[in-house]
């Protein structure tokens, strides 16, 4: 899925048309499925204080489980 426009952070998601936001979430789920993941975590860092270092909207799909880490 190629971006249709540049978006700095997830904070701007409310500006997206509903169908575009839905397509992004579907893409995340399809990517996890294609990687063979049944259980995974989706992370989006919003702002420097939350660890965002690359300022375009992107999703981290993390597979597996780290024991002792709060869900």
C-alpha atoms as a PDB file:
ATOM      1  CA  UNK A   1       0.000   0.000   0.000  1.00  0.00           C
ATOM      2  CA  UNK A   2       1.553   3.248  -1.074  1.00  0.00           C
ATOM      3  CA  UNK A   3       0.709   6.373   0.898  1.00  0.00           C
ATOM      4  CA  UNK A   4      -1.618   8.793  -0.825  1.00  0.00           C
ATOM      5  CA  UNK A   5      -0.150  11.747   1.076  1.00  0.00           C
ATOM      6  CA  UNK A   6       2.359  12.552   3.781  1.00  0.00           C
ATOM      7  CA  UNK A   7       1.110  12.371   7.362  1.00  0.00           C
ATOM      8  CA  UNK A   8       3.457  13.187  10.251  1.00  0.00           C
ATOM      9  CA  UNK A   9       1.766  11.245  13.054  1.00  0.00           C
ATOM     10  CA  UNK A  10      -1.236   9.148  14.003  1.00  0.00           C
ATOM     11  CA  UNK A  11      -2.563  12.312  15.647  1.00  0.00           C
ATOM     12  CA  UNK A  12      -3.765  13.360  12.174  1.00  0.00           C
ATOM     13  CA  UNK A  13      -5.859  10.226  11.588  1.00  0.00           C
ATOM     14  CA  UNK A  14      -9.094  12.111  12.357  1.00  0.00           C
ATOM     15  CA  UNK A  15      -8.512  14.077   9.147  1.00  0.00           C
ATOM     16  CA  UNK A  16      -8.634  10.915   7.022  1.00  0.00           C
ATOM     17  CA  UNK A  17     -11.757   9.896   5.139  1.00  0.00           C
ATOM     18  CA  UNK A  18     -13.302   6.846   6.825  1.00  0.00           C
ATOM     19  CA  UNK A  19     -12.449   4.554   3.916  1.00  0.00           C
ATOM     20  CA  UNK A  20      -8.772   5.568   3.999  1.00  0.00           C
ATOM     21  CA  UNK A  21      -8.457   4.945   7.752  1.00  0.00           C
ATOM     22  CA  UNK A  22     -10.174   1.571   7.306  1.00  0.00           C
ATOM     23  CA  UNK A  23      -7.813   0.615   4.465  1.00  0.00           C
ATOM     24  CA  UNK A  24      -4.793   1.392   6.672  1.00  0.00           C
ATOM     25  CA  UNK A  25      -6.065  -0.868   9.447  1.00  0.00           C
ATOM     26  CA  UNK A  26      -6.925  -3.611   6.950  1.00  0.00           C
ATOM     27  CA  UNK A  27      -3.402  -3.354   5.530  1.00  0.00           C
ATOM     28  CA  UNK A  28      -1.897  -3.786   9.007  1.00  0.00           C
ATOM     29  CA  UNK A  29      -4.034  -6.902   9.598  1.00  0.00           C
ATOM     30  CA  UNK A  30      -3.244  -8.318   6.142  1.00  0.00           C
ATOM     31  CA  UNK A  31       0.478  -7.728   6.671  1.00  0.00           C
ATOM     32  CA  UNK A  32       0.408  -9.613   9.968  1.00  0.00           C
ATOM     33  CA  UNK A  33      -1.569 -12.458   8.374  1.00  0.00           C
ATOM     34  CA  UNK A  34       0.858 -12.647   5.434  1.00  0.00           C
ATOM     35  CA  UNK A  35       3.744 -12.881   7.916  1.00  0.00           C
ATOM     36  CA  UNK A  36       2.017 -15.871   9.537  1.00  0.00           C
ATOM     37  CA  UNK A  37       1.188 -14.040  12.753  1.00  0.00           C
ATOM     38  CA  UNK A  38      -1.897 -15.116  14.686  1.00  0.00           C
ATOM     39  CA  UNK A  39      -1.009 -13.041  17.722  1.00  0.00           C
ATOM     40  CA  UNK A  40       0.742  -9.712  17.476  1.00  0.00           C
ATOM     41  CA  UNK A  41       0.923  -6.197  18.820  1.00  0.00           C
ATOM     42  CA  UNK A  42       0.445  -3.038  16.740  1.00  0.00           C
ATOM     43  CA  UNK A  43       2.335   0.046  17.933  1.00  0.00           C
ATOM     44  CA  UNK A  44       2.243   3.613  16.664  1.00  0.00           C
ATOM     45  CA  UNK A  45       4.532   6.136  18.347  1.00  0.00           C
ATOM     46  CA  UNK A  46       3.043   9.646  18.410  1.00  0.00           C
ATOM     47  CA  UNK A  47       5.534  12.431  19.104  1.00  0.00           C
ATOM     48  CA  UNK A  48       9.106  12.529  20.349  1.00  0.00           C
ATOM     49  CA  UNK A  49       8.055  11.929  23.951  1.00  0.00           C
ATOM     50  CA  UNK A  50       6.537   8.614  22.880  1.00  0.00           C
ATOM     51  CA  UNK A  51       9.631   7.545  20.986  1.00  0.00           C
ATOM     52  CA  UNK A  52       8.734   8.700  17.472  1.00  0.00           C
ATOM     53  CA  UNK A  53      11.970   9.336  15.596  1.00  0.00           C
ATOM     54  CA  UNK A  54      10.707   9.078  12.011  1.00  0.00           C
ATOM     55  CA  UNK A  55       8.063  11.702  11.330  1.00  0.00           C
ATOM     56  CA  UNK A  56       5.681   9.990   8.993  1.00  0.00           C
ATOM     57  CA  UNK A  57       2.807   7.789  10.044  1.00  0.00           C
ATOM     58  CA  UNK A  58       3.885   4.175  10.189  1.00  0.00           C
ATOM     59  CA  UNK A  59       2.864   1.079  12.103  1.00  0.00           C
ATOM     60  CA  UNK A  60       5.004  -1.435  13.984  1.00  0.00           C
ATOM     61  CA  UNK A  61       3.619  -4.976  13.833  1.00  0.00           C
ATOM     62  CA  UNK A  62       5.303  -6.995  16.567  1.00  0.00           C
ATOM     63  CA  UNK A  63       4.863 -10.754  16.569  1.00  0.00           C
ATOM     64  CA  UNK A  64       5.346 -13.136  19.417  1.00  0.00           C
ATOM     65  CA  UNK A  65       5.178 -12.424  23.101  1.00  0.00           C
ATOM     66  CA  UNK A  66       7.702 -11.083  25.535  1.00  0.00           C
ATOM     67  CA  UNK A  67       7.057 -12.646  28.930  1.00  0.00           C
ATOM     68  CA  UNK A  68       6.658 -10.231  31.781  1.00  0.00           C
ATOM     69  CA  UNK A  69       5.742  -7.333  29.515  1.00  0.00           C
ATOM     70  CA  UNK A  70       2.391  -5.726  30.283  1.00  0.00           C
ATOM     71  CA  UNK A  71      -0.089  -6.026  27.425  1.00  0.00           C
END
